Amino acid sequence: MTASFAQFRLPLLAAVLASALAGCASTPPPTGELSAAQQAVMRADDADADQYAPQDLNAARSALSGAQGALSQGKDEDARRLALTATAEADLALARSREAKTSAELNQRRAEIAELRRRLQNGVGQ
């Protein structure tokens, strides 16, 4: 008993159609990536990145704006790429802002320690 092509034609046609439909299916809009980018920019804003990392924050804002524009034009892949770029730039701005604040605080503490040492040395010498 050999199977004829006619017996496999319907299942084969169904498999080909399913593959074609899967290939044509588009990915969902990058709303999650866009939301994550917006939150990352807000976190950087809250960390005073305008003061400590303005270039990085501006790059993040620009990429976010581009992502929003691409999404409104139906360019989902461009929107996704730009949203991910915005998130990365905002995270970098946040990290640089935190580093600058931490460095400033460290320098302030070192200055306080130096002042206390100076006072102690002046007090001991009297």
Protein backbone atom coordinates (compact mmCIF):
# COMPACT_ATOMS: atom_id res chain seq x y z
CA MET A 1 0.00 0.00 0.00
CA THR A 2 1.66 3.08 -1.23
CA ALA A 3 0.25 6.45 -0.37
CA SER A 4 -0.60 8.67 -3.26
CA PHE A 5 0.06 12.38 -3.49
CA ALA A 6 -3.68 13.03 -3.29
CA GLN A 7 -3.74 11.69 0.26
CA PHE A 8 -1.04 14.10 1.39
CA ARG A 9 -2.25 17.08 -0.61
CA LEU A 10 -4.70 18.49 1.97
CA PRO A 11 -2.38 18.20 5.00
CA LEU A 12 0.50 19.56 2.92
CA LEU A 13 -1.62 22.49 1.73
CA ALA A 14 -2.67 23.22 5.32
CA ALA A 15 0.96 23.18 6.47
CA VAL A 16 2.02 25.53 3.67
CA LEU A 17 -0.82 27.94 4.44
CA ALA A 18 -0.03 27.88 8.15
CA SER A 19 3.63 28.64 7.41
CA ALA A 20 2.68 31.47 5.09
CA LEU A 21 0.34 33.00 7.63
CA ALA A 22 2.95 32.71 10.38
CA GLY A 23 5.48 34.41 8.13
CA CYS A 24 3.10 37.25 7.37
CA ALA A 25 2.07 37.78 10.97
CA SER A 26 3.55 40.98 12.28
CA THR A 27 4.94 41.43 15.73
CA PRO A 28 2.78 43.35 18.17
CA PRO A 29 3.38 47.09 18.53
CA PRO A 30 6.23 47.90 20.92
CA THR A 31 4.05 49.49 23.56
CA GLY A 32 5.93 47.73 26.36
CA GLU A 33 9.27 48.97 25.09
CA LEU A 34 7.87 52.48 24.70
CA SER A 35 6.49 52.44 28.23
CA ALA A 36 9.83 51.21 29.60
CA ALA A 37 11.62 54.00 27.74
CA GLN A 38 9.26 56.63 29.16
CA GLN A 39 9.82 55.32 32.68
CA ALA A 40 13.60 55.27 32.18
CA VAL A 41 13.57 58.90 31.02
CA MET A 42 11.45 59.86 34.03
CA ARG A 43 13.88 58.10 36.39
CA ALA A 44 16.79 59.96 34.83
CA ASP A 45 14.86 63.24 35.16
CA ASP A 46 14.19 62.52 38.82
CA ALA A 47 17.90 61.89 39.37
CA ASP A 48 18.79 65.39 38.10
CA ALA A 49 20.32 64.07 34.89
CA ASP A 50 19.56 67.48 33.35
CA GLN A 51 22.34 68.83 35.54
CA TYR A 52 24.77 65.92 35.63
CA ALA A 53 24.30 64.14 32.27
CA PRO A 54 22.44 66.50 29.95
CA GLN A 55 23.77 65.05 26.69
CA ASP A 56 22.73 61.52 27.60
CA LEU A 57 19.32 62.66 28.78
CA ASN A 58 18.78 64.71 25.61
CA ALA A 59 19.75 61.68 23.50
CA ALA A 60 17.23 59.59 25.44
CA ARG A 61 14.49 62.18 24.97
CA SER A 62 15.26 62.43 21.27
CA ALA A 63 15.15 58.65 20.80
CA LEU A 64 11.90 58.46 22.79
CA SER A 65 10.35 61.14 20.62
CA GLY A 66 11.49 59.30 17.51
CA ALA A 67 10.03 56.07 18.85
CA GLN A 68 6.70 57.72 19.49
CA GLY A 69 6.70 59.19 15.99
CA ALA A 70 7.62 55.87 14.40
CA LEU A 71 4.88 54.11 16.34
CA SER A 72 2.28 56.63 15.19
CA GLN A 73 3.39 56.02 11.59
CA GLY A 74 3.06 52.27 12.00
CA LYS A 75 6.81 51.66 11.83
CA ASP A 76 6.87 49.17 14.67
CA GLU A 77 10.43 47.91 14.19
CA ASP A 78 11.83 51.45 14.08
CA ALA A 79 9.75 52.33 17.13
CA ARG A 80 11.04 49.27 18.98
CA ARG A 81 14.67 50.03 18.11
CA LEU A 82 14.36 53.69 19.10
CA ALA A 83 12.54 52.83 22.34
CA LEU A 84 15.34 50.45 23.29
CA THR A 85 17.89 53.13 22.43
CA ALA A 86 16.00 55.65 24.57
CA THR A 87 15.97 53.24 27.49
CA ALA A 88 19.71 52.63 27.20
CA GLU A 89 20.49 56.36 26.93
CA ALA A 90 18.25 57.17 29.89
CA ASP A 91 19.84 54.42 31.97
CA LEU A 92 23.27 55.81 31.10
CA ALA A 93 22.14 59.32 32.09
CA LEU A 94 20.81 57.94 35.38
CA ALA A 95 24.08 56.12 36.12
CA ARG A 96 26.19 59.17 35.30
CA SER A 97 23.97 61.38 37.41
CA ARG A 98 24.22 59.04 40.38
CA GLU A 99 27.98 58.83 39.93
CA ALA A 100 28.32 62.62 39.87
CA LYS A 101 26.20 62.98 43.00
CA THR A 102 28.15 60.26 44.79
CA SER A 103 31.46 61.86 43.81
CA ALA A 104 30.29 65.25 45.02
CA GLU A 105 29.18 63.74 48.31
CA LEU A 106 32.49 61.91 48.68
CA ASN A 107 34.42 65.11 48.06
CA GLN A 108 32.29 66.91 50.63
CA ARG A 109 32.93 64.20 53.24
CA ARG A 110 36.67 64.30 52.51
CA ALA A 111 36.65 68.07 52.99
CA GLU A 112 34.81 67.64 56.31
CA ILE A 113 37.34 65.06 57.46
CA ALA A 114 40.22 67.33 56.48
CA GLU A 115 38.63 70.18 58.45
CA LEU A 116 38.13 67.96 61.50
CA ARG A 117 41.76 66.79 61.33
CA ARG A 118 42.93 70.39 61.09
CA ARG A 119 40.87 71.31 64.15
CA LEU A 120 42.18 68.33 66.09
CA GLN A 121 45.78 69.19 65.24
CA ASN A 122 45.25 72.83 66.26
CA GLY A 123 43.60 71.74 69.49
CA VAL A 124 46.38 69.30 70.37
CA GLY A 125 49.13 71.82 69.76
CA GLN A 126 47.71 74.31 72.30
